[in-house]
Amino acid sequence: MTFKHEIKNNSLILRLSGDLIGEDSGASVIEVVTDAIQQKALTCIVDISGLRYINSSGIGVLITILTKFRNKGGEVYLMKPSESVQKLLVITKLNAIFQIVQTEAEVIK
């Protein structure tokens, strides 16, 4: 998996692509999240449109991000899940835990 990140308007924007299987890059993502929270980011938008596959370790990475932000009074949004990732979110009932959006503009509202 590869990822890019930026902080814009107190929001961390993560763009993930490839397979989120919790390997070394999962720890790198968590490190970026921790740094962003220390910089007073209140929301996290995780663009998952480029993800092909997520396994249980990858789900753990997403839940860790959610926990870190909610513990600081923030929120996490998953943006543009592919059809297969959307099905996984429904099967695991994570669609009830995460806010799922299609655009950054939805988060700004």
C-alpha atoms as a PDB file:
ATOM      1  CA  MET A   1       0.000   0.000   0.000  1.00  0.00           C
ATOM      2  CA  THR A   2       1.065   3.551  -0.625  1.00  0.00           C
ATOM      3  CA  PHE A   3      -0.347   6.703   0.890  1.00  0.00           C
ATOM      4  CA  LYS A   4      -0.133  10.468   0.675  1.00  0.00           C
ATOM      5  CA  HIS A   5      -1.235  12.961   3.288  1.00  0.00           C
ATOM      6  CA  GLU A   6      -1.808  16.649   3.787  1.00  0.00           C
ATOM      7  CA  ILE A   7      -3.343  18.867   6.449  1.00  0.00           C
ATOM      8  CA  LYS A   8      -5.899  21.367   5.199  1.00  0.00           C
ATOM      9  CA  ASN A   9      -8.216  23.483   7.398  1.00  0.00           C
ATOM     10  CA  ASN A  10      -7.479  21.430  10.549  1.00  0.00           C
ATOM     11  CA  SER A  11      -8.287  18.248   8.629  1.00  0.00           C
ATOM     12  CA  LEU A  12      -5.876  15.432   7.890  1.00  0.00           C
ATOM     13  CA  ILE A  13      -6.472  14.081   4.397  1.00  0.00           C
ATOM     14  CA  LEU A  14      -5.088  10.596   3.801  1.00  0.00           C
ATOM     15  CA  ARG A  15      -5.123   9.104   0.316  1.00  0.00           C
ATOM     16  CA  LEU A  16      -4.614   5.341   0.430  1.00  0.00           C
ATOM     17  CA  SER A  17      -4.025   3.119  -2.577  1.00  0.00           C
ATOM     18  CA  GLY A  18      -3.259  -0.534  -3.152  1.00  0.00           C
ATOM     19  CA  ASP A  19      -4.007  -3.174  -0.520  1.00  0.00           C
ATOM     20  CA  LEU A  20      -4.536  -2.164   3.113  1.00  0.00           C
ATOM     21  CA  ILE A  21      -3.248  -5.253   4.871  1.00  0.00           C
ATOM     22  CA  GLY A  22      -1.631  -3.648   7.917  1.00  0.00           C
ATOM     23  CA  GLU A  23       1.974  -4.254   6.907  1.00  0.00           C
ATOM     24  CA  ASP A  24       4.692  -1.683   7.671  1.00  0.00           C
ATOM     25  CA  SER A  25       2.774   1.101   5.954  1.00  0.00           C
ATOM     26  CA  GLY A  26      -0.056   0.676   8.482  1.00  0.00           C
ATOM     27  CA  ALA A  27       2.313   1.778  11.253  1.00  0.00           C
ATOM     28  CA  SER A  28       3.446   4.707   9.093  1.00  0.00           C
ATOM     29  CA  VAL A  29      -0.163   5.824   8.627  1.00  0.00           C
ATOM     30  CA  ILE A  30      -0.765   5.692  12.398  1.00  0.00           C
ATOM     31  CA  GLU A  31       2.381   7.771  12.941  1.00  0.00           C
ATOM     32  CA  VAL A  32       1.093  10.432  10.505  1.00  0.00           C
ATOM     33  CA  VAL A  33      -2.285  10.409  12.300  1.00  0.00           C
ATOM     34  CA  THR A  34      -0.634  10.888  15.710  1.00  0.00           C
ATOM     35  CA  ASP A  35       1.426  13.813  14.378  1.00  0.00           C
ATOM     36  CA  ALA A  36      -1.662  15.429  12.809  1.00  0.00           C
ATOM     37  CA  ILE A  37      -3.604  15.186  16.078  1.00  0.00           C
ATOM     38  CA  GLN A  38      -0.690  16.826  17.894  1.00  0.00           C
ATOM     39  CA  GLN A  39      -0.938  19.619  15.310  1.00  0.00           C
ATOM     40  CA  LYS A  40      -4.606  20.069  16.343  1.00  0.00           C
ATOM     41  CA  ALA A  41      -6.255  18.318  13.380  1.00  0.00           C
ATOM     42  CA  LEU A  42      -9.878  17.666  14.340  1.00  0.00           C
ATOM     43  CA  THR A  43     -11.059  15.609  11.411  1.00  0.00           C
ATOM     44  CA  CYS A  44      -9.566  12.963   9.193  1.00  0.00           C
ATOM     45  CA  ILE A  45     -10.719  12.280   5.651  1.00  0.00           C
ATOM     46  CA  VAL A  46      -9.463   8.913   4.429  1.00  0.00           C
ATOM     47  CA  ASP A  47      -9.750   8.694   0.656  1.00  0.00           C
ATOM     48  CA  ILE A  48     -10.072   4.944   0.100  1.00  0.00           C
ATOM     49  CA  SER A  49     -11.093   5.129  -3.559  1.00  0.00           C
ATOM     50  CA  GLY A  50      -7.691   3.677  -4.522  1.00  0.00           C
ATOM     51  CA  LEU A  51      -7.893   0.654  -2.214  1.00  0.00           C
ATOM     52  CA  ARG A  52      -8.368  -2.707  -3.906  1.00  0.00           C
ATOM     53  CA  TYR A  53      -8.455  -4.875  -0.798  1.00  0.00           C
ATOM     54  CA  ILE A  54      -8.615  -4.573   2.991  1.00  0.00           C
ATOM     55  CA  ASN A  55      -7.935  -7.473   5.375  1.00  0.00           C
ATOM     56  CA  SER A  56      -8.546  -7.686   9.127  1.00  0.00           C
ATOM     57  CA  SER A  57      -5.247  -5.946   9.925  1.00  0.00           C
ATOM     58  CA  GLY A  58      -6.209  -3.136   7.554  1.00  0.00           C
ATOM     59  CA  ILE A  59      -9.564  -2.805   9.308  1.00  0.00           C
ATOM     60  CA  GLY A  60      -7.573  -2.568  12.549  1.00  0.00           C
ATOM     61  CA  VAL A  61      -5.602   0.358  11.100  1.00  0.00           C
ATOM     62  CA  LEU A  62      -8.848   2.184  10.204  1.00  0.00           C
ATOM     63  CA  ILE A  63     -10.310   1.547  13.665  1.00  0.00           C
ATOM     64  CA  THR A  64      -7.106   2.800  15.311  1.00  0.00           C
ATOM     65  CA  ILE A  65      -7.365   6.027  13.288  1.00  0.00           C
ATOM     66  CA  LEU A  66     -11.010   6.391  14.322  1.00  0.00           C
ATOM     67  CA  THR A  67     -10.215   5.760  17.995  1.00  0.00           C
ATOM     68  CA  LYS A  68      -7.371   8.288  18.052  1.00  0.00           C
ATOM     69  CA  PHE A  69      -9.513  11.037  16.524  1.00  0.00           C
ATOM     70  CA  ARG A  70     -12.629  10.335  18.596  1.00  0.00           C
ATOM     71  CA  ASN A  71     -10.575  10.279  21.808  1.00  0.00           C
ATOM     72  CA  LYS A  72      -9.649  13.892  20.996  1.00  0.00           C
ATOM     73  CA  GLY A  73     -13.222  14.873  20.106  1.00  0.00           C
ATOM     74  CA  GLY A  74     -12.633  14.542  16.367  1.00  0.00           C
ATOM     75  CA  GLU A  75     -14.186  12.496  13.577  1.00  0.00           C
ATOM     76  CA  VAL A  76     -13.052  10.253  10.721  1.00  0.00           C
ATOM     77  CA  TYR A  77     -14.685  10.099   7.296  1.00  0.00           C
ATOM     78  CA  LEU A  78     -14.093   7.381   4.717  1.00  0.00           C
ATOM     79  CA  MET A  79     -14.318   8.842   1.239  1.00  0.00           C
ATOM     80  CA  LYS A  80     -15.292   7.115  -2.015  1.00  0.00           C
ATOM     81  CA  PRO A  81     -15.023   3.418  -1.131  1.00  0.00           C
ATOM     82  CA  SER A  82     -14.906   1.114  -4.152  1.00  0.00           C
ATOM     83  CA  GLU A  83     -17.777  -1.324  -4.585  1.00  0.00           C
ATOM     84  CA  SER A  84     -15.826  -4.234  -3.067  1.00  0.00           C
ATOM     85  CA  VAL A  85     -14.615  -2.157  -0.103  1.00  0.00           C
ATOM     86  CA  GLN A  86     -18.161  -0.833   0.417  1.00  0.00           C
ATOM     87  CA  LYS A  87     -19.436  -4.421   0.588  1.00  0.00           C
ATOM     88  CA  LEU A  88     -16.778  -5.239   3.195  1.00  0.00           C
ATOM     89  CA  LEU A  89     -17.832  -2.211   5.263  1.00  0.00           C
ATOM     90  CA  VAL A  90     -21.455  -3.404   5.154  1.00  0.00           C
ATOM     91  CA  ILE A  91     -20.626  -7.045   5.982  1.00  0.00           C
ATOM     92  CA  THR A  92     -18.479  -6.005   8.955  1.00  0.00           C
ATOM     93  CA  LYS A  93     -21.040  -3.347   9.965  1.00  0.00           C
ATOM     94  CA  LEU A  94     -18.283  -0.744   9.912  1.00  0.00           C
ATOM     95  CA  ASN A  95     -20.560   1.406   7.743  1.00  0.00           C
ATOM     96  CA  ALA A  96     -22.490   2.083  10.974  1.00  0.00           C
ATOM     97  CA  ILE A  97     -19.343   3.196  12.807  1.00  0.00           C
ATOM     98  CA  PHE A  98     -17.588   5.264  10.149  1.00  0.00           C
ATOM     99  CA  GLN A  99     -19.085   8.213   8.342  1.00  0.00           C
ATOM    100  CA  ILE A 100     -18.894   7.474   4.613  1.00  0.00           C
ATOM    101  CA  VAL A 101     -18.833  10.374   2.149  1.00  0.00           C
ATOM    102  CA  GLN A 102     -18.272  10.789  -1.579  1.00  0.00           C
ATOM    103  CA  THR A 103     -16.577  14.227  -1.584  1.00  0.00           C
ATOM    104  CA  GLU A 104     -14.517  16.471   0.701  1.00  0.00           C
ATOM    105  CA  ALA A 105     -17.293  19.052   0.398  1.00  0.00           C
ATOM    106  CA  GLU A 106     -19.658  16.742   2.320  1.00  0.00           C
ATOM    107  CA  VAL A 107     -17.295  16.849   5.289  1.00  0.00           C
ATOM    108  CA  ILE A 108     -17.057  20.648   5.236  1.00  0.00           C
ATOM    109  CA  LYS A 109     -20.849  20.902   5.542  1.00  0.00           C
END
